[in-house]
Amino acid sequence: MSQLSETPQERARKAFARVLQVMGEPGRQIALAATLGTSESTISRLKTERLEDCLTLLYALGFKVVESTRICVTPTALEFMRQVTSRALANECADLWDDGE
């Protein structure tokens, strides 16, 4: 199923699985609690009681959750980059076969 045809609930469910995976890393909840100035039990409670609903809300509003190391671009910018790359590769391949005359 393509990402465009997924419902906000399906996308939120996948994001929830990714977030749970990251939160399951050793020491992650302790560090998160310290960063937020709360207890580890509060983080655990938020994770089990509210996180999935919060993600569903964000996706229903048209937002998406991505890792901070990712860079998001608009569909228009992505299409531009694809066209430029395609043309650059086509020109580079043509230059390979050009005998320099």
N, C-alpha and C. Protein backbone atom coordinates (compact mmCIF):
# COMPACT_ATOMS: atom_id res chain seq x y z
N MET A 1 0.85 -1.18 0.00
CA MET A 1 0.00 0.00 0.00
C MET A 1 0.89 1.24 0.00
N SER A 2 0.61 2.19 -0.88
CA SER A 2 1.43 3.38 -0.94
C SER A 2 1.12 4.30 0.23
N GLN A 3 2.09 5.14 0.55
CA GLN A 3 1.91 6.04 1.68
C GLN A 3 0.77 7.01 1.44
N LEU A 4 0.51 7.36 0.19
CA LEU A 4 -0.56 8.31 -0.11
C LEU A 4 -1.94 7.73 0.20
N SER A 5 -2.08 6.41 0.11
CA SER A 5 -3.40 5.82 0.34
C SER A 5 -3.62 5.40 1.79
N GLU A 6 -2.60 5.52 2.63
CA GLU A 6 -2.76 5.16 4.04
C GLU A 6 -3.58 6.22 4.77
N THR A 7 -4.39 5.78 5.70
CA THR A 7 -5.16 6.71 6.51
C THR A 7 -4.26 7.33 7.58
N PRO A 8 -4.66 8.45 8.15
CA PRO A 8 -3.89 9.02 9.25
C PRO A 8 -3.70 8.02 10.40
N GLN A 9 -4.70 7.19 10.64
CA GLN A 9 -4.59 6.21 11.71
C GLN A 9 -3.52 5.16 11.41
N GLU A 10 -3.42 4.74 10.15
CA GLU A 10 -2.39 3.77 9.77
C GLU A 10 -1.00 4.37 9.88
N ARG A 11 -0.86 5.62 9.43
CA ARG A 11 0.45 6.28 9.53
C ARG A 11 0.83 6.50 10.98
N ALA A 12 -0.15 6.87 11.81
CA ALA A 12 0.12 7.07 13.24
C ALA A 12 0.52 5.76 13.91
N ARG A 13 -0.10 4.67 13.52
CA ARG A 13 0.23 3.36 14.08
C ARG A 13 1.68 2.99 13.77
N LYS A 14 2.11 3.26 12.53
CA LYS A 14 3.50 2.98 12.14
C LYS A 14 4.46 3.89 12.89
N ALA A 15 4.10 5.16 13.04
CA ALA A 15 4.95 6.09 13.80
C ALA A 15 5.03 5.65 15.25
N PHE A 16 3.92 5.20 15.80
CA PHE A 16 3.89 4.72 17.18
C PHE A 16 4.85 3.55 17.35
N ALA A 17 4.86 2.63 16.41
CA ALA A 17 5.78 1.49 16.48
C ALA A 17 7.23 1.95 16.45
N ARG A 18 7.54 2.94 15.60
CA ARG A 18 8.91 3.46 15.52
C ARG A 18 9.31 4.15 16.82
N VAL A 19 8.39 4.96 17.37
CA VAL A 19 8.68 5.66 18.62
C VAL A 19 8.89 4.67 19.76
N LEU A 20 8.05 3.65 19.83
CA LEU A 20 8.21 2.63 20.87
C LEU A 20 9.56 1.93 20.74
N GLN A 21 9.98 1.68 19.51
CA GLN A 21 11.27 1.04 19.28
C GLN A 21 12.40 1.91 19.83
N VAL A 22 12.34 3.20 19.55
CA VAL A 22 13.38 4.12 20.04
C VAL A 22 13.32 4.23 21.56
N MET A 23 12.11 4.32 22.10
CA MET A 23 11.97 4.44 23.55
C MET A 23 12.39 3.17 24.28
N GLY A 24 12.44 2.05 23.56
CA GLY A 24 12.87 0.80 24.16
C GLY A 24 14.37 0.64 24.29
N GLU A 25 15.11 1.58 23.72
CA GLU A 25 16.57 1.52 23.84
C GLU A 25 16.97 1.73 25.30
N PRO A 26 17.98 1.01 25.77
CA PRO A 26 18.40 1.13 27.17
C PRO A 26 18.72 2.57 27.57
N GLY A 27 18.12 3.00 28.66
CA GLY A 27 18.38 4.33 29.20
C GLY A 27 17.62 5.46 28.54
N ARG A 28 16.88 5.17 27.49
CA ARG A 28 16.21 6.23 26.73
C ARG A 28 15.12 6.92 27.55
N GLN A 29 14.30 6.14 28.26
CA GLN A 29 13.22 6.75 29.04
C GLN A 29 13.76 7.56 30.21
N ILE A 30 14.85 7.11 30.81
CA ILE A 30 15.47 7.86 31.91
C ILE A 30 15.97 9.21 31.38
N ALA A 31 16.65 9.17 30.24
CA ALA A 31 17.17 10.41 29.64
C ALA A 31 16.03 11.33 29.22
N LEU A 32 14.97 10.77 28.68
CA LEU A 32 13.82 11.56 28.27
C LEU A 32 13.16 12.23 29.47
N ALA A 33 13.01 11.47 30.55
CA ALA A 33 12.42 12.03 31.78
C ALA A 33 13.28 13.18 32.31
N ALA A 34 14.59 13.01 32.28
CA ALA A 34 15.49 14.07 32.76
C ALA A 34 15.38 15.31 31.88
N THR A 35 15.32 15.10 30.58
CA THR A 35 15.19 16.23 29.64
C THR A 35 13.90 17.00 29.87
N LEU A 36 12.83 16.27 30.13
CA LEU A 36 11.52 16.91 30.32
C LEU A 36 11.27 17.34 31.76
N GLY A 37 12.19 17.01 32.65
CA GLY A 37 12.04 17.40 34.05
C GLY A 37 10.90 16.68 34.75
N THR A 38 10.74 15.41 34.43
CA THR A 38 9.67 14.62 35.04
C THR A 38 10.22 13.26 35.44
N SER A 39 9.36 12.40 35.92
CA SER A 39 9.82 11.08 36.38
C SER A 39 9.73 10.06 35.25
N GLU A 40 10.48 9.00 35.40
CA GLU A 40 10.43 7.92 34.41
C GLU A 40 9.05 7.27 34.39
N SER A 41 8.39 7.22 35.55
CA SER A 41 7.04 6.63 35.59
C SER A 41 6.04 7.49 34.81
N THR A 42 6.23 8.81 34.83
CA THR A 42 5.36 9.70 34.04
C THR A 42 5.56 9.43 32.55
N ILE A 43 6.80 9.27 32.13
CA ILE A 43 7.10 8.97 30.73
C ILE A 43 6.47 7.64 30.35
N SER A 44 6.60 6.64 31.21
CA SER A 44 6.02 5.34 30.94
C SER A 44 4.50 5.42 30.83
N ARG A 45 3.89 6.19 31.69
CA ARG A 45 2.43 6.37 31.66
C ARG A 45 1.99 7.09 30.38
N LEU A 46 2.72 8.13 30.00
CA LEU A 46 2.41 8.84 28.76
C LEU A 46 2.53 7.90 27.55
N LYS A 47 3.56 7.10 27.57
CA LYS A 47 3.80 6.17 26.46
C LYS A 47 2.65 5.17 26.34
N THR A 48 2.19 4.64 27.44
CA THR A 48 1.16 3.60 27.38
C THR A 48 -0.25 4.16 27.26
N GLU A 49 -0.49 5.36 27.78
CA GLU A 49 -1.86 5.88 27.83
C GLU A 49 -2.17 6.93 26.77
N ARG A 50 -1.20 7.70 26.33
CA ARG A 50 -1.50 8.86 25.48
C ARG A 50 -0.74 8.96 24.17
N LEU A 51 0.39 8.32 24.06
CA LEU A 51 1.26 8.53 22.91
C LEU A 51 0.57 8.20 21.58
N GLU A 52 -0.08 7.07 21.51
CA GLU A 52 -0.73 6.69 20.25
C GLU A 52 -1.82 7.69 19.86
N ASP A 53 -2.59 8.15 20.84
CA ASP A 53 -3.62 9.16 20.56
C ASP A 53 -3.01 10.47 20.08
N CYS A 54 -1.91 10.87 20.69
CA CYS A 54 -1.23 12.11 20.28
C CYS A 54 -0.72 12.01 18.85
N LEU A 55 -0.14 10.87 18.51
CA LEU A 55 0.35 10.68 17.14
C LEU A 55 -0.81 10.67 16.14
N THR A 56 -1.91 10.03 16.50
CA THR A 56 -3.08 10.02 15.63
C THR A 56 -3.59 11.43 15.40
N LEU A 57 -3.62 12.24 16.45
CA LEU A 57 -4.03 13.64 16.34
C LEU A 57 -3.12 14.39 15.38
N LEU A 58 -1.82 14.24 15.53
CA LEU A 58 -0.87 14.94 14.66
C LEU A 58 -1.06 14.53 13.20
N TYR A 59 -1.19 13.24 12.94
CA TYR A 59 -1.37 12.77 11.56
C TYR A 59 -2.72 13.22 10.99
N ALA A 60 -3.76 13.23 11.81
CA ALA A 60 -5.07 13.69 11.35
C ALA A 60 -5.03 15.18 10.98
N LEU A 61 -4.16 15.94 11.64
CA LEU A 61 -4.00 17.37 11.34
C LEU A 61 -3.08 17.62 10.14
N GLY A 62 -2.50 16.56 9.60
CA GLY A 62 -1.64 16.71 8.43
C GLY A 62 -0.17 16.79 8.72
N PHE A 63 0.22 16.59 9.96
CA PHE A 63 1.63 16.58 10.32
C PHE A 63 2.18 15.17 10.19
N LYS A 64 3.50 15.06 10.20
CA LYS A 64 4.10 13.74 10.26
C LYS A 64 5.32 13.80 11.17
N VAL A 65 5.62 12.68 11.75
CA VAL A 65 6.72 12.59 12.70
C VAL A 65 7.91 11.96 11.99
N VAL A 66 9.03 12.66 12.01
CA VAL A 66 10.25 12.14 11.40
C VAL A 66 11.40 12.32 12.37
N GLU A 67 12.46 11.53 12.18
CA GLU A 67 13.64 11.67 13.02
C GLU A 67 14.29 13.03 12.78
N SER A 68 14.93 13.55 13.80
CA SER A 68 15.56 14.87 13.69
C SER A 68 16.71 14.89 12.69
N THR A 69 17.23 13.73 12.34
CA THR A 69 18.32 13.66 11.37
C THR A 69 17.82 13.70 9.93
N ARG A 70 16.51 13.66 9.74
CA ARG A 70 15.92 13.69 8.40
C ARG A 70 15.67 15.12 7.95
N ILE A 71 15.68 15.30 6.64
CA ILE A 71 15.38 16.60 6.06
C ILE A 71 14.12 16.43 5.21
N CYS A 72 13.13 17.24 5.46
CA CYS A 72 11.87 17.16 4.71
C CYS A 72 11.85 18.23 3.63
N VAL A 73 11.36 17.86 2.46
CA VAL A 73 11.21 18.81 1.36
C VAL A 73 9.79 18.70 0.82
N THR A 74 9.36 19.72 0.14
CA THR A 74 8.03 19.70 -0.47
C THR A 74 8.03 18.76 -1.66
N PRO A 75 6.87 18.25 -2.04
CA PRO A 75 6.80 17.40 -3.23
C PRO A 75 7.35 18.10 -4.48
N THR A 76 7.13 19.40 -4.59
CA THR A 76 7.64 20.16 -5.74
C THR A 76 9.17 20.16 -5.76
N ALA A 77 9.77 20.38 -4.60
CA ALA A 77 11.24 20.37 -4.51
C ALA A 77 11.80 18.98 -4.82
N LEU A 78 11.14 17.95 -4.35
CA LEU A 78 11.58 16.59 -4.62
C LEU A 78 11.52 16.29 -6.11
N GLU A 79 10.45 16.68 -6.76
CA GLU A 79 10.32 16.46 -8.20
C GLU A 79 11.41 17.22 -8.96
N PHE A 80 11.71 18.45 -8.54
CA PHE A 80 12.78 19.23 -9.17
C PHE A 80 14.11 18.50 -9.03
N MET A 81 14.41 17.99 -7.82
CA MET A 81 15.67 17.28 -7.59
C MET A 81 15.76 16.01 -8.44
N ARG A 82 14.65 15.33 -8.59
CA ARG A 82 14.64 14.12 -9.43
C ARG A 82 14.93 14.46 -10.89
N GLN A 83 14.30 15.54 -11.39
CA GLN A 83 14.51 15.92 -12.78
C GLN A 83 15.95 16.37 -13.01
N VAL A 84 16.50 17.16 -12.11
CA VAL A 84 17.88 17.63 -12.26
C VAL A 84 18.85 16.45 -12.23
N THR A 85 18.63 15.53 -11.30
CA THR A 85 19.50 14.36 -11.20
C THR A 85 19.41 13.51 -12.46
N SER A 86 18.20 13.30 -12.93
CA SER A 86 18.00 12.50 -14.14
C SER A 86 18.71 13.12 -15.33
N ARG A 87 18.57 14.42 -15.49
CA ARG A 87 19.22 15.12 -16.61
C ARG A 87 20.74 15.10 -16.47
N ALA A 88 21.22 15.28 -15.24
CA ALA A 88 22.66 15.27 -15.02
C ALA A 88 23.24 13.89 -15.34
N LEU A 89 22.56 12.84 -14.93
CA LEU A 89 23.03 11.49 -15.22
C LEU A 89 22.97 11.19 -16.71
N ALA A 90 21.93 11.66 -17.37
CA ALA A 90 21.82 11.45 -18.81
C ALA A 90 22.95 12.16 -19.54
N ASN A 91 23.28 13.38 -19.14
CA ASN A 91 24.37 14.13 -19.77
C ASN A 91 25.71 13.47 -19.48
N GLU A 92 25.89 12.97 -18.26
CA GLU A 92 27.15 12.32 -17.89
C GLU A 92 27.35 11.06 -18.71
N CYS A 93 26.29 10.29 -18.91
CA CYS A 93 26.38 9.07 -19.71
C CYS A 93 26.68 9.42 -21.15
N ALA A 94 26.08 10.46 -21.69
CA ALA A 94 26.34 10.89 -23.07
C ALA A 94 27.80 11.30 -23.21
N ASP A 95 28.36 11.98 -22.20
CA ASP A 95 29.76 12.40 -22.24
C ASP A 95 30.70 11.20 -22.23
N LEU A 96 30.32 10.12 -21.60
CA LEU A 96 31.15 8.92 -21.56
C LEU A 96 31.36 8.33 -22.95
N TRP A 97 30.33 8.42 -23.78
CA TRP A 97 30.38 7.84 -25.10
C TRP A 97 30.87 8.82 -26.17
N ASP A 98 31.00 10.08 -25.76
CA ASP A 98 31.48 11.11 -26.69
C ASP A 98 32.98 10.92 -26.90
N ASP A 99 33.42 10.87 -28.14
CA ASP A 99 34.84 10.64 -28.41
C ASP A 99 35.66 11.93 -28.42
N GLY A 100 35.06 13.02 -27.95
CA GLY A 100 35.79 14.26 -27.78
C GLY A 100 35.94 15.09 -29.04
N GLU A 101 35.28 14.72 -30.10
CA GLU A 101 35.41 15.48 -31.35
C GLU A 101 34.45 16.63 -31.42
